[in-house]
Amino acid sequence: MRVDKNIKKGGVAEEKFKEWLDKHEIPYMYINQNPKSFSESFKNQFKGKRPDFIILIPNFGIIFVDVKNRTLNKKYKNFPIDCNETEKYSSFQRKFNMHIWYVISNEHYGYENWLWIPVSKVLELGIKEKVSSKSGDEFFPIPLDEFIQISQNDSLERLFSKLF
């Protein structure tokens, strides 16, 4: 039941992210999450883990984005990022020379702020993995100040201005 609730919340975040992309006329492709839409080889190599969006950036290339609906841990001021998923994305990223980012928002932010972080940075931070008391899964606790924040009214240019 908890998994169904999380899937529903994730779907809401993805829809709101689509709205933000459309508002700013950012070209993208939404990746069909149906397991039948991927080859057996892909499923075997990456356990079917794939991002939600391909964002097309003129004169630059593409960014793969996995949208998450996550809540800030108020005590520690961080967001949990799943270790197993991050390792799969890192492998996928290295093998195919791609850029994969997490983008987080939630109902608390009213889906008005998007927190961006590249998968590579999650691993580079070297924050010790923790084990969730709720799920038992390992995660990286990523501090809020490590994300690039983009508001509903900002364009993708803000992301690039913060990178350089």
Protein backbone atom coordinates (compact mmCIF):
# COMPACT_ATOMS: atom_id res chain seq x y z
CA MET A 1 0.00 0.00 0.00
CA ARG A 2 2.86 2.39 0.85
CA VAL A 3 4.48 1.60 -2.52
CA ASP A 4 1.24 2.50 -4.35
CA LYS A 5 1.09 5.83 -2.52
CA ASN A 6 4.72 6.59 -3.44
CA ILE A 7 4.09 5.67 -7.10
CA LYS A 8 1.09 8.01 -7.17
CA LYS A 9 3.13 10.85 -5.61
CA GLY A 10 5.91 10.24 -8.12
CA GLY A 11 3.35 10.46 -10.95
CA VAL A 12 2.13 13.82 -9.65
CA ALA A 13 5.71 15.15 -9.54
CA GLU A 14 6.30 13.96 -13.11
CA GLU A 15 3.13 15.69 -14.33
CA LYS A 16 4.09 18.94 -12.61
CA PHE A 17 7.57 18.69 -14.08
CA LYS A 18 6.06 18.24 -17.56
CA GLU A 19 4.03 21.41 -16.95
CA TRP A 20 7.22 23.30 -16.01
CA LEU A 21 9.01 22.04 -19.13
CA ASP A 22 6.04 23.01 -21.33
CA LYS A 23 5.74 26.44 -19.70
CA HIS A 24 9.36 27.19 -20.60
CA GLU A 25 9.10 25.54 -24.03
CA ILE A 26 11.86 23.08 -23.20
CA PRO A 27 11.81 20.16 -25.65
CA TYR A 28 11.65 16.76 -23.99
CA MET A 29 10.65 13.16 -24.43
CA TYR A 30 8.85 11.31 -21.69
CA ILE A 31 10.16 7.75 -21.35
CA ASN A 32 7.51 5.06 -21.28
CA GLN A 33 7.94 3.25 -17.97
CA ASN A 34 6.25 0.05 -19.17
CA PRO A 35 8.80 -2.79 -18.76
CA LYS A 36 7.71 -4.19 -22.14
CA SER A 37 9.02 -1.06 -23.87
CA PHE A 38 12.68 -1.99 -23.14
CA SER A 39 14.85 -4.73 -24.59
CA GLU A 40 15.74 -7.81 -22.59
CA SER A 41 19.39 -6.77 -22.79
CA PHE A 42 18.57 -3.40 -21.20
CA LYS A 43 16.53 -5.09 -18.47
CA ASN A 44 19.34 -7.56 -17.76
CA GLN A 45 22.15 -5.00 -17.70
CA PHE A 46 20.38 -2.23 -15.79
CA LYS A 47 17.57 -4.13 -14.10
CA GLY A 48 15.17 -1.98 -16.12
CA LYS A 49 16.11 1.18 -14.25
CA ARG A 50 15.63 4.21 -16.47
CA PRO A 51 15.06 7.92 -16.06
CA ASP A 52 11.70 9.59 -16.69
CA PHE A 53 12.65 12.26 -19.21
CA ILE A 54 15.10 13.08 -21.96
CA ILE A 55 15.57 16.85 -22.11
CA LEU A 56 16.90 18.22 -25.40
CA ILE A 57 19.16 21.24 -25.09
CA PRO A 58 20.07 23.06 -28.34
CA ASN A 59 23.82 23.25 -29.05
CA PHE A 60 24.54 21.13 -25.97
CA GLY A 61 22.91 17.73 -26.18
CA ILE A 62 20.66 15.83 -23.86
CA ILE A 63 20.12 15.39 -20.13
CA PHE A 64 18.30 12.40 -18.71
CA VAL A 65 16.15 13.27 -15.70
CA ASP A 66 14.61 11.10 -13.01
CA VAL A 67 11.92 13.09 -11.21
CA LYS A 68 11.40 12.31 -7.53
CA ASN A 69 8.79 13.32 -5.02
CA ARG A 70 10.87 13.44 -1.84
CA THR A 71 10.41 15.12 1.50
CA LEU A 72 13.20 16.95 3.29
CA ASN A 73 14.33 15.29 6.51
CA LYS A 74 13.68 18.27 8.78
CA LYS A 75 16.06 17.15 11.51
CA TYR A 76 19.08 16.63 9.24
CA LYS A 77 18.09 18.99 6.37
CA ASN A 78 18.70 16.38 3.69
CA PHE A 79 16.90 14.35 1.04
CA PRO A 80 17.28 10.56 0.81
CA ILE A 81 18.55 9.27 -2.54
CA ASP A 82 18.44 5.50 -3.02
CA CYS A 83 21.95 3.96 -3.17
CA ASN A 84 21.06 1.00 -5.37
CA GLU A 85 19.28 3.19 -7.92
CA THR A 86 22.14 5.73 -7.96
CA GLU A 87 24.69 2.99 -8.60
CA LYS A 88 22.61 1.66 -11.52
CA TYR A 89 22.32 5.16 -12.98
CA SER A 90 26.04 5.72 -12.52
CA SER A 91 26.82 2.54 -14.44
CA PHE A 92 24.34 3.49 -17.17
CA GLN A 93 25.82 7.00 -17.33
CA ARG A 94 29.43 5.79 -17.64
CA LYS A 95 28.70 3.02 -20.12
CA PHE A 96 26.84 5.29 -22.55
CA ASN A 97 28.48 8.66 -21.76
CA MET A 98 25.24 10.34 -20.70
CA HIS A 99 24.28 12.93 -18.12
CA ILE A 100 21.66 11.74 -15.63
CA TRP A 101 20.17 14.08 -13.04
CA TYR A 102 17.72 13.73 -10.18
CA VAL A 103 15.09 16.46 -9.94
CA ILE A 104 13.14 16.63 -6.69
CA SER A 105 10.01 18.46 -5.64
CA ASN A 106 6.96 17.75 -3.54
CA GLU A 107 3.59 19.06 -2.41
CA HIS A 108 5.26 21.06 0.41
CA TYR A 109 6.99 23.14 -2.28
CA GLY A 110 3.73 23.19 -4.24
CA TYR A 111 5.82 21.85 -7.14
CA GLU A 112 6.99 25.46 -7.53
CA ASN A 113 10.66 24.68 -6.80
CA TRP A 114 12.74 21.98 -8.42
CA LEU A 115 15.93 20.72 -6.80
CA TRP A 116 18.47 19.43 -9.33
CA ILE A 117 21.54 17.28 -8.71
CA PRO A 118 23.59 15.13 -11.08
CA VAL A 119 23.92 11.43 -10.25
CA SER A 120 27.70 11.84 -10.37
CA LYS A 121 27.60 14.48 -7.63
CA VAL A 122 25.53 12.23 -5.36
CA LEU A 123 28.36 9.70 -5.54
CA GLU A 124 31.16 12.31 -5.40
CA LEU A 125 29.87 13.81 -2.16
CA GLY A 126 31.00 10.63 -0.48
CA ILE A 127 28.37 10.93 2.19
CA LYS A 128 28.23 7.74 4.16
CA GLU A 129 25.31 5.55 3.27
CA LYS A 130 22.56 5.21 5.84
CA VAL A 131 19.88 2.55 6.24
CA SER A 132 16.28 3.69 6.31
CA SER A 133 14.43 2.72 9.47
CA LYS A 134 11.22 2.54 7.42
CA SER A 135 12.28 0.57 4.32
CA GLY A 136 15.60 -0.96 5.39
CA ASP A 137 17.12 0.33 2.13
CA GLU A 138 20.45 2.14 1.95
CA PHE A 139 20.37 5.75 0.88
CA PHE A 140 22.59 8.78 0.46
CA PRO A 141 21.47 11.67 2.70
CA ILE A 142 22.05 14.66 0.38
CA PRO A 143 22.02 18.07 2.10
CA LEU A 144 19.61 20.65 0.70
CA ASP A 145 22.43 23.09 -0.07
CA GLU A 146 24.02 20.63 -2.54
CA PHE A 147 21.08 20.96 -4.95
CA ILE A 148 20.61 23.63 -7.59
CA GLN A 149 17.21 25.18 -6.93
CA ILE A 150 15.10 26.28 -9.88
CA SER A 151 11.77 27.96 -9.25
CA GLN A 152 8.62 27.69 -11.33
CA ASN A 153 9.46 31.00 -13.01
CA ASP A 154 13.12 30.19 -13.73
CA SER A 155 14.23 28.75 -17.04
CA LEU A 156 16.79 26.02 -17.58
CA GLU A 157 19.39 28.77 -17.99
CA ARG A 158 19.54 29.00 -14.19
CA LEU A 159 20.78 25.42 -14.03
CA PHE A 160 23.66 26.18 -16.36
CA SER A 161 24.48 29.49 -14.67
CA LYS A 162 24.93 27.63 -11.38
CA LEU A 163 27.17 24.98 -12.92
CA PHE A 164 29.86 27.38 -14.10
